[in-house]
Amino acid sequence: MLLAIRQFNSGQWYECHETLEALWLEEPGEVRDFYQGLVQIAIALHHWRNGNFNGALKLLDGGGGYLKRVATPCLWVDVAELIRQVTRVRDELQRLGAEDMSTLDGALIPRITTVTV
């Protein structure tokens, strides 16, 4: 999980997706939803960077939906904060539209933060 967090926070979203997918396949219940939410958000950001507006929005919605099923914190991740960041970037992308999505302020890109439990 720590590798996935480092990958996500450094913009290695495709690699993060690969790391998390291996974990996701082995988990049941809430932790599975947590991993699936992170996978979808990582791929959403990958799509955004590659100019796939609809893919980015769809996966931000889906990933946020999975995370809303999960208690916070989960595996030391501040899930509530991540949901807030995902909602903010999704809303801004929607406002910008496909034509201007590349102008997204980099400060809005979600980052996974951890908490002490």
PDB file of N, CA and C in Angstrom:
ATOM      1  N   MET A   1       0.825  -1.199   0.000  1.00  0.00           N
ATOM      2  CA  MET A   1       0.000   0.000   0.000  1.00  0.00           C
ATOM      3  C   MET A   1       0.866   1.259   0.000  1.00  0.00           C
ATOM      4  N   LEU A   2       1.978   1.219   0.735  1.00  0.00           N
ATOM      5  CA  LEU A   2       2.842   2.404   0.771  1.00  0.00           C
ATOM      6  C   LEU A   2       3.404   2.728  -0.608  1.00  0.00           C
ATOM      7  N   LEU A   3       3.740   1.698  -1.382  1.00  0.00           N
ATOM      8  CA  LEU A   3       4.213   1.924  -2.739  1.00  0.00           C
ATOM      9  C   LEU A   3       3.129   2.613  -3.566  1.00  0.00           C
ATOM     10  N   ALA A   4       1.900   2.153  -3.446  1.00  0.00           N
ATOM     11  CA  ALA A   4       0.784   2.749  -4.198  1.00  0.00           C
ATOM     12  C   ALA A   4       0.590   4.214  -3.821  1.00  0.00           C
ATOM     13  N   ILE A   5       0.702   4.538  -2.552  1.00  0.00           N
ATOM     14  CA  ILE A   5       0.560   5.933  -2.114  1.00  0.00           C
ATOM     15  C   ILE A   5       1.664   6.786  -2.728  1.00  0.00           C
ATOM     16  N   ARG A   6       2.896   6.297  -2.697  1.00  0.00           N
ATOM     17  CA  ARG A   6       4.011   7.046  -3.293  1.00  0.00           C
ATOM     18  C   ARG A   6       3.787   7.240  -4.793  1.00  0.00           C
ATOM     19  N   GLN A   7       3.336   6.184  -5.461  1.00  0.00           N
ATOM     20  CA  GLN A   7       3.077   6.289  -6.899  1.00  0.00           C
ATOM     21  C   GLN A   7       1.966   7.295  -7.181  1.00  0.00           C
ATOM     22  N   PHE A   8       0.873   7.210  -6.448  1.00  0.00           N
ATOM     23  CA  PHE A   8      -0.253   8.115  -6.643  1.00  0.00           C
ATOM     24  C   PHE A   8       0.194   9.559  -6.446  1.00  0.00           C
ATOM     25  N   ASN A   9       0.847   9.826  -5.333  1.00  0.00           N
ATOM     26  CA  ASN A   9       1.219  11.198  -4.986  1.00  0.00           C
ATOM     27  C   ASN A   9       2.306  11.775  -5.876  1.00  0.00           C
ATOM     28  N   SER A  10       3.025  10.937  -6.600  1.00  0.00           N
ATOM     29  CA  SER A  10       4.050  11.439  -7.519  1.00  0.00           C
ATOM     30  C   SER A  10       3.562  11.464  -8.967  1.00  0.00           C
ATOM     31  N   GLY A  11       2.262  11.190  -9.177  1.00  0.00           N
ATOM     32  CA  GLY A  11       1.694  11.268 -10.517  1.00  0.00           C
ATOM     33  C   GLY A  11       1.943  10.036 -11.368  1.00  0.00           C
ATOM     34  N   GLN A  12       2.368   8.959 -10.758  1.00  0.00           N
ATOM     35  CA  GLN A  12       2.551   7.690 -11.469  1.00  0.00           C
ATOM     36  C   GLN A  12       1.247   6.896 -11.363  1.00  0.00           C
ATOM     37  N   TRP A  13       0.195   7.458 -11.955  1.00  0.00           N
ATOM     38  CA  TRP A  13      -1.143   6.915 -11.739  1.00  0.00           C
ATOM     39  C   TRP A  13      -1.364   5.558 -12.389  1.00  0.00           C
ATOM     40  N   TYR A  14      -0.804   5.345 -13.554  1.00  0.00           N
ATOM     41  CA  TYR A  14      -0.968   4.030 -14.178  1.00  0.00           C
ATOM     42  C   TYR A  14      -0.254   2.964 -13.344  1.00  0.00           C
ATOM     43  N   GLU A  15       0.947   3.270 -12.889  1.00  0.00           N
ATOM     44  CA  GLU A  15       1.699   2.334 -12.056  1.00  0.00           C
ATOM     45  C   GLU A  15       0.969   2.081 -10.742  1.00  0.00           C
ATOM     46  N   CYS A  16       0.393   3.117 -10.177  1.00  0.00           N
ATOM     47  CA  CYS A  16      -0.397   2.981  -8.947  1.00  0.00           C
ATOM     48  C   CYS A  16      -1.564   2.028  -9.171  1.00  0.00           C
ATOM     49  N   HIS A  17      -2.235   2.200 -10.301  1.00  0.00           N
ATOM     50  CA  HIS A  17      -3.352   1.326 -10.650  1.00  0.00           C
ATOM     51  C   HIS A  17      -2.892  -0.132 -10.694  1.00  0.00           C
ATOM     52  N   GLU A  18      -1.740  -0.384 -11.290  1.00  0.00           N
ATOM     53  CA  GLU A  18      -1.213  -1.752 -11.371  1.00  0.00           C
ATOM     54  C   GLU A  18      -0.912  -2.307  -9.976  1.00  0.00           C
ATOM     55  N   THR A  19      -0.289  -1.504  -9.139  1.00  0.00           N
ATOM     56  CA  THR A  19       0.041  -1.930  -7.777  1.00  0.00           C
ATOM     57  C   THR A  19      -1.224  -2.248  -6.991  1.00  0.00           C
ATOM     58  N   LEU A  20      -2.212  -1.360  -7.062  1.00  0.00           N
ATOM     59  CA  LEU A  20      -3.447  -1.548  -6.297  1.00  0.00           C
ATOM     60  C   LEU A  20      -4.307  -2.688  -6.835  1.00  0.00           C
ATOM     61  N   GLU A  21      -4.275  -2.900  -8.127  1.00  0.00           N
ATOM     62  CA  GLU A  21      -5.088  -3.967  -8.702  1.00  0.00           C
ATOM     63  C   GLU A  21      -4.682  -5.323  -8.136  1.00  0.00           C
ATOM     64  N   ALA A  22      -3.397  -5.521  -7.937  1.00  0.00           N
ATOM     65  CA  ALA A  22      -2.924  -6.774  -7.358  1.00  0.00           C
ATOM     66  C   ALA A  22      -3.459  -6.941  -5.936  1.00  0.00           C
ATOM     67  N   LEU A  23      -3.545  -5.857  -5.182  1.00  0.00           N
ATOM     68  CA  LEU A  23      -4.088  -5.908  -3.816  1.00  0.00           C
ATOM     69  C   LEU A  23      -5.602  -6.087  -3.835  1.00  0.00           C
ATOM     70  N   TRP A  24      -6.266  -5.357  -4.716  1.00  0.00           N
ATOM     71  CA  TRP A  24      -7.724  -5.356  -4.814  1.00  0.00           C
ATOM     72  C   TRP A  24      -8.268  -6.751  -5.076  1.00  0.00           C
ATOM     73  N   LEU A  25      -7.621  -7.499  -5.944  1.00  0.00           N
ATOM     74  CA  LEU A  25      -8.111  -8.826  -6.318  1.00  0.00           C
ATOM     75  C   LEU A  25      -8.135  -9.799  -5.149  1.00  0.00           C
ATOM     76  N   GLU A  26      -7.326  -9.539  -4.122  1.00  0.00           N
ATOM     77  CA  GLU A  26      -7.211 -10.453  -2.984  1.00  0.00           C
ATOM     78  C   GLU A  26      -8.100 -10.082  -1.800  1.00  0.00           C
ATOM     79  N   GLU A  27      -8.762  -8.954  -1.843  1.00  0.00           N
ATOM     80  CA  GLU A  27      -9.479  -8.451  -0.670  1.00  0.00           C
ATOM     81  C   GLU A  27     -10.995  -8.569  -0.797  1.00  0.00           C
ATOM     82  N   PRO A  28     -11.665  -8.859   0.316  1.00  0.00           N
ATOM     83  CA  PRO A  28     -13.131  -8.827   0.349  1.00  0.00           C
ATOM     84  C   PRO A  28     -13.627  -7.521   0.977  1.00  0.00           C
ATOM     85  N   GLY A  29     -14.905  -7.280   0.871  1.00  0.00           N
ATOM     86  CA  GLY A  29     -15.605  -6.249   1.628  1.00  0.00           C
ATOM     87  C   GLY A  29     -15.117  -4.832   1.450  1.00  0.00           C
ATOM     88  N   GLU A  30     -15.078  -4.120   2.570  1.00  0.00           N
ATOM     89  CA  GLU A  30     -14.773  -2.697   2.571  1.00  0.00           C
ATOM     90  C   GLU A  30     -13.387  -2.387   2.020  1.00  0.00           C
ATOM     91  N   VAL A  31     -12.415  -3.193   2.358  1.00  0.00           N
ATOM     92  CA  VAL A  31     -11.060  -2.939   1.868  1.00  0.00           C
ATOM     93  C   VAL A  31     -11.014  -3.098   0.351  1.00  0.00           C
ATOM     94  N   ARG A  32     -11.794  -4.026  -0.175  1.00  0.00           N
ATOM     95  CA  ARG A  32     -11.881  -4.187  -1.634  1.00  0.00           C
ATOM     96  C   ARG A  32     -12.467  -2.920  -2.269  1.00  0.00           C
ATOM     97  N   ASP A  33     -13.532  -2.375  -1.675  1.00  0.00           N
ATOM     98  CA  ASP A  33     -14.113  -1.119  -2.172  1.00  0.00           C
ATOM     99  C   ASP A  33     -13.100   0.019  -2.102  1.00  0.00           C
ATOM    100  N   PHE A  34     -12.342   0.061  -1.030  1.00  0.00           N
ATOM    101  CA  PHE A  34     -11.309   1.081  -0.861  1.00  0.00           C
ATOM    102  C   PHE A  34     -10.292   1.003  -2.000  1.00  0.00           C
ATOM    103  N   TYR A  35      -9.767  -0.188  -2.232  1.00  0.00           N
ATOM    104  CA  TYR A  35      -8.795  -0.365  -3.306  1.00  0.00           C
ATOM    105  C   TYR A  35      -9.408  -0.043  -4.667  1.00  0.00           C
ATOM    106  N   GLN A  36     -10.633  -0.485  -4.899  1.00  0.00           N
ATOM    107  CA  GLN A  36     -11.253  -0.225  -6.197  1.00  0.00           C
ATOM    108  C   GLN A  36     -11.470   1.268  -6.411  1.00  0.00           C
ATOM    109  N   GLY A  37     -11.857   1.978  -5.356  1.00  0.00           N
ATOM    110  CA  GLY A  37     -11.996   3.429  -5.458  1.00  0.00           C
ATOM    111  C   GLY A  37     -10.683   4.097  -5.824  1.00  0.00           C
ATOM    112  N   LEU A  38      -9.602   3.687  -5.164  1.00  0.00           N
ATOM    113  CA  LEU A  38      -8.293   4.263  -5.471  1.00  0.00           C
ATOM    114  C   LEU A  38      -7.847   3.931  -6.890  1.00  0.00           C
ATOM    115  N   VAL A  39      -8.092   2.702  -7.322  1.00  0.00           N
ATOM    116  CA  VAL A  39      -7.747   2.302  -8.688  1.00  0.00           C
ATOM    117  C   VAL A  39      -8.460   3.203  -9.686  1.00  0.00           C
ATOM    118  N   GLN A  40      -9.754   3.410  -9.484  1.00  0.00           N
ATOM    119  CA  GLN A  40     -10.518   4.221 -10.432  1.00  0.00           C
ATOM    120  C   GLN A  40     -10.066   5.677 -10.428  1.00  0.00           C
ATOM    121  N   ILE A  41      -9.737   6.207  -9.268  1.00  0.00           N
ATOM    122  CA  ILE A  41      -9.268   7.599  -9.203  1.00  0.00           C
ATOM    123  C   ILE A  41      -7.906   7.730  -9.872  1.00  0.00           C
ATOM    124  N   ALA A  42      -7.024   6.775  -9.647  1.00  0.00           N
ATOM    125  CA  ALA A  42      -5.711   6.813 -10.292  1.00  0.00           C
ATOM    126  C   ALA A  42      -5.859   6.779 -11.811  1.00  0.00           C
ATOM    127  N   ILE A  43      -6.708   5.916 -12.321  1.00  0.00           N
ATOM    128  CA  ILE A  43      -6.899   5.833 -13.769  1.00  0.00           C
ATOM    129  C   ILE A  43      -7.621   7.085 -14.291  1.00  0.00           C
ATOM    130  N   ALA A  44      -8.518   7.648 -13.487  1.00  0.00           N
ATOM    131  CA  ALA A  44      -9.165   8.902 -13.887  1.00  0.00           C
ATOM    132  C   ALA A  44      -8.117   9.995 -14.114  1.00  0.00           C
ATOM    133  N   LEU A  45      -7.162  10.086 -13.217  1.00  0.00           N
ATOM    134  CA  LEU A  45      -6.121  11.111 -13.351  1.00  0.00           C
ATOM    135  C   LEU A  45      -5.208  10.801 -14.538  1.00  0.00           C
ATOM    136  N   HIS A  46      -4.961   9.546 -14.776  1.00  0.00           N
ATOM    137  CA  HIS A  46      -4.205   9.126 -15.953  1.00  0.00           C
ATOM    138  C   HIS A  46      -4.946   9.558 -17.231  1.00  0.00           C
ATOM    139  N   HIS A  47      -6.259   9.340 -17.259  1.00  0.00           N
ATOM    140  CA  HIS A  47      -7.072   9.773 -18.399  1.00  0.00           C
ATOM    141  C   HIS A  47      -7.036  11.296 -18.555  1.00  0.00           C
ATOM    142  N   TRP A  48      -7.144  12.019 -17.451  1.00  0.00           N
ATOM    143  CA  TRP A  48      -7.089  13.483 -17.521  1.00  0.00           C
ATOM    144  C   TRP A  48      -5.778  13.926 -18.173  1.00  0.00           C
ATOM    145  N   ARG A  49      -4.674  13.369 -17.696  1.00  0.00           N
ATOM    146  CA  ARG A  49      -3.363  13.754 -18.230  1.00  0.00           C
ATOM    147  C   ARG A  49      -3.258  13.446 -19.728  1.00  0.00           C
ATOM    148  N   ASN A  50      -3.943  12.391 -20.182  1.00  0.00           N
ATOM    149  CA  ASN A  50      -3.901  11.998 -21.592  1.00  0.00           C
ATOM    150  C   ASN A  50      -5.010  12.625 -22.421  1.00  0.00           C
ATOM    151  N   GLY A  51      -5.790  13.533 -21.827  1.00  0.00           N
ATOM    152  CA  GLY A  51      -6.796  14.268 -22.584  1.00  0.00           C
ATOM    153  C   GLY A  51      -8.131  13.564 -22.753  1.00  0.00           C
ATOM    154  N   ASN A  52      -8.383  12.521 -21.990  1.00  0.00           N
ATOM    155  CA  ASN A  52      -9.655  11.795 -22.074  1.00  0.00           C
ATOM    156  C   ASN A  52     -10.621  12.369 -21.036  1.00  0.00           C
ATOM    157  N   PHE A  53     -11.327  13.408 -21.419  1.00  0.00           N
ATOM    158  CA  PHE A  53     -12.226  14.136 -20.523  1.00  0.00           C
ATOM    159  C   PHE A  53     -13.327  13.236 -19.962  1.00  0.00           C
ATOM    160  N   ASN A  54     -14.058  12.560 -20.839  1.00  0.00           N
ATOM    161  CA  ASN A  54     -15.176  11.729 -20.379  1.00  0.00           C
ATOM    162  C   ASN A  54     -14.713  10.581 -19.499  1.00  0.00           C
ATOM    163  N   GLY A  55     -13.607   9.952 -19.859  1.00  0.00           N
ATOM    164  CA  GLY A  55     -13.067   8.875 -19.028  1.00  0.00           C
ATOM    165  C   GLY A  55     -12.672   9.369 -17.648  1.00  0.00           C
ATOM    166  N   ALA A  56     -12.054  10.545 -17.605  1.00  0.00           N
ATOM    167  CA  ALA A  56     -11.643  11.114 -16.317  1.00  0.00           C
ATOM    168  C   ALA A  56     -12.856  11.379 -15.426  1.00  0.00           C
ATOM    169  N   LEU A  57     -13.876  12.026 -15.976  1.00  0.00           N
ATOM    170  CA  LEU A  57     -15.062  12.339 -15.167  1.00  0.00           C
ATOM    171  C   LEU A  57     -15.772  11.073 -14.693  1.00  0.00           C
ATOM    172  N   LYS A  58     -15.937  10.138 -15.592  1.00  0.00           N
ATOM    173  CA  LYS A  58     -16.638   8.897 -15.244  1.00  0.00           C
ATOM    174  C   LYS A  58     -15.921   8.152 -14.118  1.00  0.00           C
ATOM    175  N   LEU A  59     -14.611   8.046 -14.211  1.00  0.00           N
ATOM    176  CA  LEU A  59     -13.868   7.304 -13.195  1.00  0.00           C
ATOM    177  C   LEU A  59     -13.703   8.087 -11.893  1.00  0.00           C
ATOM    178  N   LEU A  60     -13.666   9.412 -11.957  1.00  0.00           N
ATOM    179  CA  LEU A  60     -13.682  10.182 -10.708  1.00  0.00           C
ATOM    180  C   LEU A  60     -14.988   9.955  -9.965  1.00  0.00           C
ATOM    181  N   ASP A  61     -16.099   9.941 -10.710  1.00  0.00           N
ATOM    182  CA  ASP A  61     -17.401   9.655 -10.089  1.00  0.00           C
ATOM    183  C   ASP A  61     -17.425   8.250  -9.498  1.00  0.00           C
ATOM    184  N   GLY A  62     -16.984   7.281 -10.284  1.00  0.00           N
ATOM    185  CA  GLY A  62     -17.003   5.895  -9.824  1.00  0.00           C
ATOM    186  C   GLY A  62     -16.095   5.667  -8.639  1.00  0.00           C
ATOM    187  N   GLY A  63     -14.894   6.197  -8.714  1.00  0.00           N
ATOM    188  CA  GLY A  63     -13.952   6.024  -7.613  1.00  0.00           C
ATOM    189  C   GLY A  63     -14.431   6.682  -6.338  1.00  0.00           C
ATOM    190  N   GLY A  64     -14.972   7.886  -6.472  1.00  0.00           N
ATOM    191  CA  GLY A  64     -15.540   8.559  -5.304  1.00  0.00           C
ATOM    192  C   GLY A  64     -16.693   7.769  -4.712  1.00  0.00           C
ATOM    193  N   GLY A  65     -17.500   7.163  -5.570  1.00  0.00           N
ATOM    194  CA  GLY A  65     -18.609   6.338  -5.097  1.00  0.00           C
ATOM    195  C   GLY A  65     -18.142   5.144  -4.285  1.00  0.00           C
ATOM    196  N   TYR A  66     -17.091   4.488  -4.752  1.00  0.00           N
ATOM    197  CA  TYR A  66     -16.547   3.367  -3.977  1.00  0.00           C
ATOM    198  C   TYR A  66     -16.012   3.844  -2.633  1.00  0.00           C
ATOM    199  N   LEU A  67     -15.318   4.975  -2.623  1.00  0.00           N
ATOM    200  CA  LEU A  67     -14.753   5.467  -1.366  1.00  0.00           C
ATOM    201  C   LEU A  67     -15.833   5.871  -0.367  1.00  0.00           C
ATOM    202  N   LYS A  68     -16.986   6.295  -0.852  1.00  0.00           N
ATOM    203  CA  LYS A  68     -18.072   6.680   0.062  1.00  0.00           C
ATOM    204  C   LYS A  68     -18.635   5.487   0.820  1.00  0.00           C
ATOM    205  N   ARG A  69     -18.323   4.279   0.394  1.00  0.00           N
ATOM    206  CA  ARG A  69     -18.753   3.057   1.093  1.00  0.00           C
ATOM    207  C   ARG A  69     -17.804   2.667   2.228  1.00  0.00           C
ATOM    208  N   VAL A  70     -16.701   3.384   2.348  1.00  0.00           N
ATOM    209  CA  VAL A  70     -15.598   2.993   3.221  1.00  0.00           C
ATOM    210  C   VAL A  70     -15.519   3.925   4.426  1.00  0.00           C
ATOM    211  N   ALA A  71     -15.240   3.354   5.590  1.00  0.00           N
ATOM    212  CA  ALA A  71     -15.034   4.153   6.803  1.00  0.00           C
ATOM    213  C   ALA A  71     -13.714   4.909   6.679  1.00  0.00           C
ATOM    214  N   THR A  72     -13.647   6.042   7.344  1.00  0.00           N
ATOM    215  CA  THR A  72     -12.404   6.802   7.356  1.00  0.00           C
ATOM    216  C   THR A  72     -11.870   6.848   8.785  1.00  0.00           C
ATOM    217  N   PRO A  73     -10.623   6.617   9.008  1.00  0.00           N
ATOM    218  CA  PRO A  73      -9.626   6.244   8.012  1.00  0.00           C
ATOM    219  C   PRO A  73      -9.743   4.771   7.629  1.00  0.00           C
ATOM    220  N   CYS A  74      -9.152   4.432   6.504  1.00  0.00           N
ATOM    221  CA  CYS A  74      -9.061   3.041   6.058  1.00  0.00           C
ATOM    222  C   CYS A  74      -7.612   2.785   5.691  1.00  0.00           C
ATOM    223  N   LEU A  75      -7.030   1.797   6.309  1.00  0.00           N
ATOM    224  CA  LEU A  75      -5.610   1.481   6.098  1.00  0.00           C
ATOM    225  C   LEU A  75      -4.748   2.735   6.227  1.00  0.00           C
ATOM    226  N   TRP A  76      -5.065   3.541   7.232  1.00  0.00           N
ATOM    227  CA  TRP A  76      -4.347   4.765   7.577  1.00  0.00           C
ATOM    228  C   TRP A  76      -4.541   5.899   6.583  1.00  0.00           C
ATOM    229  N   VAL A  77      -5.413   5.742   5.605  1.00  0.00           N
ATOM    230  CA  VAL A  77      -5.674   6.789   4.623  1.00  0.00           C
ATOM    231  C   VAL A  77      -6.872   7.617   5.075  1.00  0.00           C
ATOM    232  N   ASP A  78      -6.743   8.938   4.994  1.00  0.00           N
ATOM    233  CA  ASP A  78      -7.833   9.856   5.303  1.00  0.00           C
ATOM    234  C   ASP A  78      -8.804   9.853   4.121  1.00  0.00           C
ATOM    235  N   VAL A  79      -9.756   8.925   4.164  1.00  0.00           N
ATOM    236  CA  VAL A  79     -10.686   8.721   3.059  1.00  0.00           C
ATOM    237  C   VAL A  79     -11.585   9.942   2.872  1.00  0.00           C
ATOM    238  N   ALA A  80     -12.047  10.536   3.959  1.00  0.00           N
ATOM    239  CA  ALA A  80     -12.924  11.710   3.852  1.00  0.00           C
ATOM    240  C   ALA A  80     -12.219  12.847   3.118  1.00  0.00           C
ATOM    241  N   GLU A  81     -10.955  13.065   3.413  1.00  0.00           N
ATOM    242  CA  GLU A  81     -10.193  14.124   2.743  1.00  0.00           C
ATOM    243  C   GLU A  81     -10.004  13.795   1.269  1.00  0.00           C
ATOM    244  N   LEU A  82      -9.741  12.544   0.963  1.00  0.00           N
ATOM    245  CA  LEU A  82      -9.569  12.161  -0.439  1.00  0.00           C
ATOM    246  C   LEU A  82     -10.869  12.348  -1.219  1.00  0.00           C
ATOM    247  N   ILE A  83     -11.993  11.992  -0.624  1.00  0.00           N
ATOM    248  CA  ILE A  83     -13.290  12.209  -1.281  1.00  0.00           C
ATOM    249  C   ILE A  83     -13.500  13.701  -1.545  1.00  0.00           C
ATOM    250  N   ARG A  84     -13.157  14.537  -0.583  1.00  0.00           N
ATOM    251  CA  ARG A  84     -13.290  15.986  -0.755  1.00  0.00           C
ATOM    252  C   ARG A  84     -12.440  16.470  -1.928  1.00  0.00           C
ATOM    253  N   GLN A  85     -11.209  16.005  -2.015  1.00  0.00           N
ATOM    254  CA  GLN A  85     -10.320  16.413  -3.094  1.00  0.00           C
ATOM    255  C   GLN A  85     -10.814  15.914  -4.449  1.00  0.00           C
ATOM    256  N   VAL A  86     -11.301  14.680  -4.485  1.00  0.00           N
ATOM    257  CA  VAL A  86     -11.809  14.111  -5.738  1.00  0.00           C
ATOM    258  C   VAL A  86     -13.029  14.893  -6.216  1.00  0.00           C
ATOM    259  N   THR A  87     -13.900  15.238  -5.297  1.00  0.00           N
ATOM    260  CA  THR A  87     -15.094  16.019  -5.653  1.00  0.00           C
ATOM    261  C   THR A  87     -14.687  17.384  -6.195  1.00  0.00           C
ATOM    262  N   ARG A  88     -13.707  18.001  -5.563  1.00  0.00           N
ATOM    263  CA  ARG A  88     -13.245  19.327  -5.987  1.00  0.00           C
ATOM    264  C   ARG A  88     -12.635  19.281  -7.395  1.00  0.00           C
ATOM    265  N   VAL A  89     -11.792  18.302  -7.667  1.00  0.00           N
ATOM    266  CA  VAL A  89     -11.162  18.231  -8.991  1.00  0.00           C
ATOM    267  C   VAL A  89     -12.189  17.857 -10.049  1.00  0.00           C
ATOM    268  N   ARG A  90     -13.128  16.997  -9.704  1.00  0.00           N
ATOM    269  CA  ARG A  90     -14.179  16.610 -10.646  1.00  0.00           C
ATOM    270  C   ARG A  90     -15.039  17.819 -11.014  1.00  0.00           C
ATOM    271  N   ASP A  91     -15.419  18.602 -10.005  1.00  0.00           N
ATOM    272  CA  ASP A  91     -16.239  19.795 -10.250  1.00  0.00           C
ATOM    273  C   ASP A  91     -15.494  20.811 -11.115  1.00  0.00           C
ATOM    274  N   GLU A  92     -14.201  20.968 -10.868  1.00  0.00           N
ATOM    275  CA  GLU A  92     -13.422  21.925 -11.650  1.00  0.00           C
ATOM    276  C   GLU A  92     -13.250  21.442 -13.090  1.00  0.00           C
ATOM    277  N   LEU A  93     -13.018  20.145 -13.277  1.00  0.00           N
ATOM    278  CA  LEU A  93     -12.929  19.622 -14.643  1.00  0.00           C
ATOM    279  C   LEU A  93     -14.246  19.827 -15.383  1.00  0.00           C
ATOM    280  N   GLN A  94     -15.348  19.573 -14.703  1.00  0.00           N
ATOM    281  CA  GLN A  94     -16.662  19.773 -15.312  1.00  0.00           C
ATOM    282  C   GLN A  94     -16.837  21.239 -15.717  1.00  0.00           C
ATOM    283  N   ARG A  95     -16.393  22.141 -14.856  1.00  0.00           N
ATOM    284  CA  ARG A  95     -16.498  23.571 -15.151  1.00  0.00           C
ATOM    285  C   ARG A  95     -15.634  23.945 -16.355  1.00  0.00           C
ATOM    286  N   LEU A  96     -14.423  23.393 -16.414  1.00  0.00           N
ATOM    287  CA  LEU A  96     -13.503  23.728 -17.502  1.00  0.00           C
ATOM    288  C   LEU A  96     -13.964  23.153 -18.839  1.00  0.00           C
ATOM    289  N   GLY A  97     -14.518  21.969 -18.805  1.00  0.00           N
ATOM    290  CA  GLY A  97     -14.939  21.309 -20.036  1.00  0.00           C
ATOM    291  C   GLY A  97     -13.770  20.652 -20.756  1.00  0.00           C
ATOM    292  N   ALA A  98     -14.101  19.869 -21.749  1.00  0.00           N
ATOM    293  CA  ALA A  98     -13.096  19.099 -22.481  1.00  0.00           C
ATOM    294  C   ALA A  98     -12.055  20.000 -23.154  1.00  0.00           C
ATOM    295  N   GLU A  99     -12.487  21.137 -23.653  1.00  0.00           N
ATOM    296  CA  GLU A  99     -11.580  22.017 -24.393  1.00  0.00           C
ATOM    297  C   GLU A  99     -10.485  22.620 -23.506  1.00  0.00           C
ATOM    298  N   ASP A 100     -10.812  22.880 -22.253  1.00  0.00           N
ATOM    299  CA  ASP A 100      -9.874  23.557 -21.357  1.00  0.00           C
ATOM    300  C   ASP A 100      -9.380  22.676 -20.210  1.00  0.00           C
ATOM    301  N   MET A 101      -9.636  21.386 -20.282  1.00  0.00           N
ATOM    302  CA  MET A 101      -9.262  20.505 -19.171  1.00  0.00           C
ATOM    303  C   MET A 101      -7.765  20.535 -18.870  1.00  0.00           C
ATOM    304  N   SER A 102      -6.956  20.822 -19.870  1.00  0.00           N
ATOM    305  CA  SER A 102      -5.506  20.848 -19.664  1.00  0.00           C
ATOM    306  C   SER A 102      -5.058  22.033 -18.816  1.00  0.00           C
ATOM    307  N   THR A 103      -5.943  23.003 -18.612  1.00  0.00           N
ATOM    308  CA  THR A 103      -5.590  24.177 -17.801  1.00  0.00           C
ATOM    309  C   THR A 103      -5.893  23.969 -16.320  1.00  0.00           C
ATOM    310  N   LEU A 104      -6.292  22.767 -15.951  1.00  0.00           N
ATOM    311  CA  LEU A 104      -6.589  22.474 -14.543  1.00  0.00           C
ATOM    312  C   LEU A 104      -5.412  22.878 -13.659  1.00  0.00           C
ATOM    313  N   ASP A 105      -5.692  23.583 -12.602  1.00  0.00           N
ATOM    314  CA  ASP A 105      -4.676  23.991 -11.631  1.00  0.00           C
ATOM    315  C   ASP A 105      -4.103  22.735 -10.970  1.00  0.00           C
ATOM    316  N   GLY A 106      -2.809  22.560 -11.092  1.00  0.00           N
ATOM    317  CA  GLY A 106      -2.147  21.390 -10.514  1.00  0.00           C
ATOM    318  C   GLY A 106      -2.337  21.255  -9.013  1.00  0.00           C
ATOM    319  N   ALA A 107      -2.619  22.352  -8.330  1.00  0.00           N
ATOM    320  CA  ALA A 107      -2.848  22.302  -6.889  1.00  0.00           C
ATOM    321  C   ALA A 107      -4.126  21.542  -6.541  1.00  0.00           C
ATOM    322  N   LEU A 108      -4.995  21.339  -7.529  1.00  0.00           N
ATOM    323  CA  LEU A 108      -6.248  20.625  -7.286  1.00  0.00           C
ATOM    324  C   LEU A 108      -6.115  19.110  -7.426  1.00  0.00           C
ATOM    325  N   ILE A 109      -4.985  18.634  -7.922  1.00  0.00           N
ATOM    326  CA  ILE A 109      -4.806  17.198  -8.098  1.00  0.00           C
ATOM    327  C   ILE A 109      -4.822  16.531  -6.720  1.00  0.00           C
ATOM    328  N   PRO A 110      -5.694  15.531  -6.547  1.00  0.00           N
ATOM    329  CA  PRO A 110      -5.784  14.849  -5.242  1.00  0.00           C
ATOM    330  C   PRO A 110      -4.462  14.205  -4.827  1.00  0.00           C
ATOM    331  N   ARG A 111      -4.243  14.202  -3.534  1.00  0.00           N
ATOM    332  CA  ARG A 111      -3.108  13.521  -2.926  1.00  0.00           C
ATOM    333  C   ARG A 111      -3.629  12.667  -1.792  1.00  0.00           C
ATOM    334  N   ILE A 112      -3.074  11.499  -1.679  1.00  0.00           N
ATOM    335  CA  ILE A 112      -3.464  10.602  -0.588  1.00  0.00           C
ATOM    336  C   ILE A 112      -2.711  11.031   0.665  1.00  0.00           C
ATOM    337  N   THR A 113      -3.466  11.302   1.721  1.00  0.00           N
ATOM    338  CA  THR A 113      -2.864  11.659   2.999  1.00  0.00           C
ATOM    339  C   THR A 113      -3.172  10.559   4.010  1.00  0.00           C
ATOM    340  N   THR A 114      -2.261  10.378   4.921  1.00  0.00           N
ATOM    341  CA  THR A 114      -2.434   9.353   5.953  1.00  0.00           C
ATOM    342  C   THR A 114      -2.665  10.016   7.305  1.00  0.00           C
ATOM    343  N   VAL A 115      -3.214   9.223   8.183  1.00  0.00           N
ATOM    344  CA  VAL A 115      -3.496   9.690   9.543  1.00  0.00           C
ATOM    345  C   VAL A 115      -2.919   8.688  10.539  1.00  0.00           C
ATOM    346  N   THR A 116      -2.715   9.146  11.748  1.00  0.00           N
ATOM    347  CA  THR A 116      -2.291   8.265  12.820  1.00  0.00           C
ATOM    348  C   THR A 116      -3.544   7.700  13.466  1.00  0.00           C
ATOM    349  N   VAL A 117      -3.577   6.397  13.591  1.00  0.00           N
ATOM    350  CA  VAL A 117      -4.769   5.741  14.147  1.00  0.00           C
ATOM    351  C   VAL A 117      -4.526   5.404  15.601  1.00  0.00           C
TER     352      VAL A 117
END
